[in-house]
Amino acid sequence: MLFTISGKHTEIPEAVKSYAEEKTEKLPKFYDVINQIEVIVDGKEGSKEAGNIAVEIILRAERKKIFVVKEKGSDVYACIDLATHKLEQQLKKTKTKERDGKKHRAR
């Protein structure tokens, strides 16, 4: 699984990089066929106001499946937490649909 993290309008500290990688490396337990995870941290230009940071996670899986989650807030760590939680929910829902669909086709 390929992991990349990039920043727009901001530098990303090593602590944030390792935190994002730690959080996203748990995602394959929810969906088996993950090929790539890309995290984009956007520290919008201007002052450090509330809602000034946006985190986007793009997950690419087999069979051209792409999952995208965006989260805005003032704390980058909280944004990463919320974005990974949303992505977990998407992956669980997709896996359930695929699994249930196979049961119905077997008849």
Protein backbone atom coordinates (compact mmCIF):
# COMPACT_ATOMS: atom_id res chain seq x y z
CA MET A 1 0.00 0.00 0.00
CA LEU A 2 1.39 3.35 -1.07
CA PHE A 3 1.05 6.27 1.36
CA THR A 4 1.66 9.90 0.38
CA ILE A 5 1.05 13.14 2.25
CA SER A 6 1.32 16.61 0.80
CA GLY A 7 0.58 20.14 1.90
CA LYS A 8 -0.95 23.12 0.13
CA HIS A 9 -0.02 26.57 1.42
CA THR A 10 1.66 25.00 4.45
CA GLU A 11 4.60 22.91 5.60
CA ILE A 12 3.73 19.61 7.21
CA PRO A 13 5.69 18.73 10.37
CA GLU A 14 7.07 15.23 10.75
CA ALA A 15 4.75 14.64 13.73
CA VAL A 16 1.68 15.26 11.54
CA LYS A 17 3.06 12.99 8.81
CA SER A 18 3.61 10.11 11.22
CA TYR A 19 0.20 10.68 12.87
CA ALA A 20 -1.60 10.61 9.51
CA GLU A 21 0.27 7.47 8.47
CA GLU A 22 -0.50 5.77 11.80
CA LYS A 23 -4.21 6.56 11.47
CA THR A 24 -4.53 5.50 7.83
CA GLU A 25 -2.54 2.27 8.14
CA LYS A 26 -5.50 0.81 10.09
CA LEU A 27 -7.87 1.23 7.10
CA PRO A 28 -7.05 -2.09 5.34
CA LYS A 29 -8.82 -3.98 8.13
CA PHE A 30 -12.07 -2.39 6.90
CA TYR A 31 -11.47 -2.95 3.17
CA ASP A 32 -8.91 -5.46 1.94
CA VAL A 33 -7.90 -4.24 -1.50
CA ILE A 34 -6.45 -0.77 -0.84
CA ASN A 35 -3.70 0.27 -3.26
CA GLN A 36 -2.98 3.88 -2.36
CA ILE A 37 -3.80 6.45 0.31
CA GLU A 38 -3.14 10.13 -0.29
CA VAL A 39 -3.53 12.75 2.45
CA ILE A 40 -3.66 16.43 1.46
CA VAL A 41 -3.42 19.08 4.18
CA ASP A 42 -4.52 22.54 3.03
CA GLY A 43 -3.56 25.37 5.37
CA LYS A 44 -5.43 28.11 3.58
CA GLU A 45 -3.68 31.42 3.17
CA GLY A 46 -4.49 34.14 5.68
CA SER A 47 -4.57 34.25 9.45
CA LYS A 48 -4.95 31.26 11.73
CA GLU A 49 -8.72 31.52 12.13
CA ALA A 50 -11.06 28.71 13.14
CA GLY A 51 -11.80 26.42 10.20
CA ASN A 52 -8.59 27.43 8.50
CA ILE A 53 -7.25 23.89 7.91
CA ALA A 54 -8.72 21.37 5.48
CA VAL A 55 -7.71 17.71 5.30
CA GLU A 56 -8.60 15.56 2.30
CA ILE A 57 -7.96 11.82 2.17
CA ILE A 58 -8.14 10.05 -1.19
CA LEU A 59 -8.12 6.26 -1.07
CA ARG A 60 -7.72 4.18 -4.22
CA ALA A 61 -8.69 0.51 -4.22
CA GLU A 62 -8.81 -2.28 -6.78
CA ARG A 63 -11.33 -2.18 -9.61
CA LYS A 64 -11.02 1.63 -9.93
CA LYS A 65 -12.80 2.35 -6.64
CA ILE A 66 -11.99 5.77 -5.24
CA PHE A 67 -13.07 7.04 -1.82
CA VAL A 68 -12.71 10.76 -1.01
CA VAL A 69 -13.23 12.42 2.37
CA LYS A 70 -12.81 16.10 3.26
CA GLU A 71 -12.77 17.67 6.71
CA LYS A 72 -12.27 21.28 7.83
CA GLY A 73 -11.33 22.60 11.25
CA SER A 74 -8.80 24.49 13.30
CA ASP A 75 -6.74 21.50 14.49
CA VAL A 76 -5.00 19.29 11.94
CA TYR A 77 -5.00 16.27 14.26
CA ALA A 78 -8.75 16.50 14.86
CA CYS A 79 -9.34 16.88 11.11
CA ILE A 80 -7.31 13.74 10.42
CA ASP A 81 -9.24 11.83 13.10
CA LEU A 82 -12.63 12.89 11.72
CA ALA A 83 -11.63 12.24 8.12
CA THR A 84 -10.35 8.73 8.89
CA HIS A 85 -13.54 7.99 10.84
CA LYS A 86 -15.68 9.07 7.87
CA LEU A 87 -13.52 6.95 5.57
CA GLU A 88 -13.91 3.92 7.86
CA GLN A 89 -17.69 4.30 7.62
CA GLN A 90 -17.55 4.51 3.81
CA LEU A 91 -15.34 1.42 3.61
CA LYS A 92 -17.56 -0.59 5.99
CA LYS A 93 -20.67 0.34 3.99
CA THR A 94 -19.07 -0.59 0.66
CA LYS A 95 -17.73 -3.88 1.99
CA THR A 96 -21.15 -4.77 3.42
CA LYS A 97 -22.86 -3.98 0.11
CA GLU A 98 -20.36 -6.11 -1.81
CA ARG A 99 -20.65 -8.99 0.62
CA ASP A 100 -24.47 -8.93 0.67
CA GLY A 101 -24.63 -8.61 -3.10
CA LYS A 102 -22.62 -11.80 -3.52
CA LYS A 103 -25.00 -13.73 -1.27
CA HIS A 104 -28.01 -12.78 -3.35
CA ARG A 105 -26.35 -13.63 -6.67
CA ALA A 106 -25.48 -17.18 -5.54
CA ARG A 107 -29.08 -18.34 -5.66
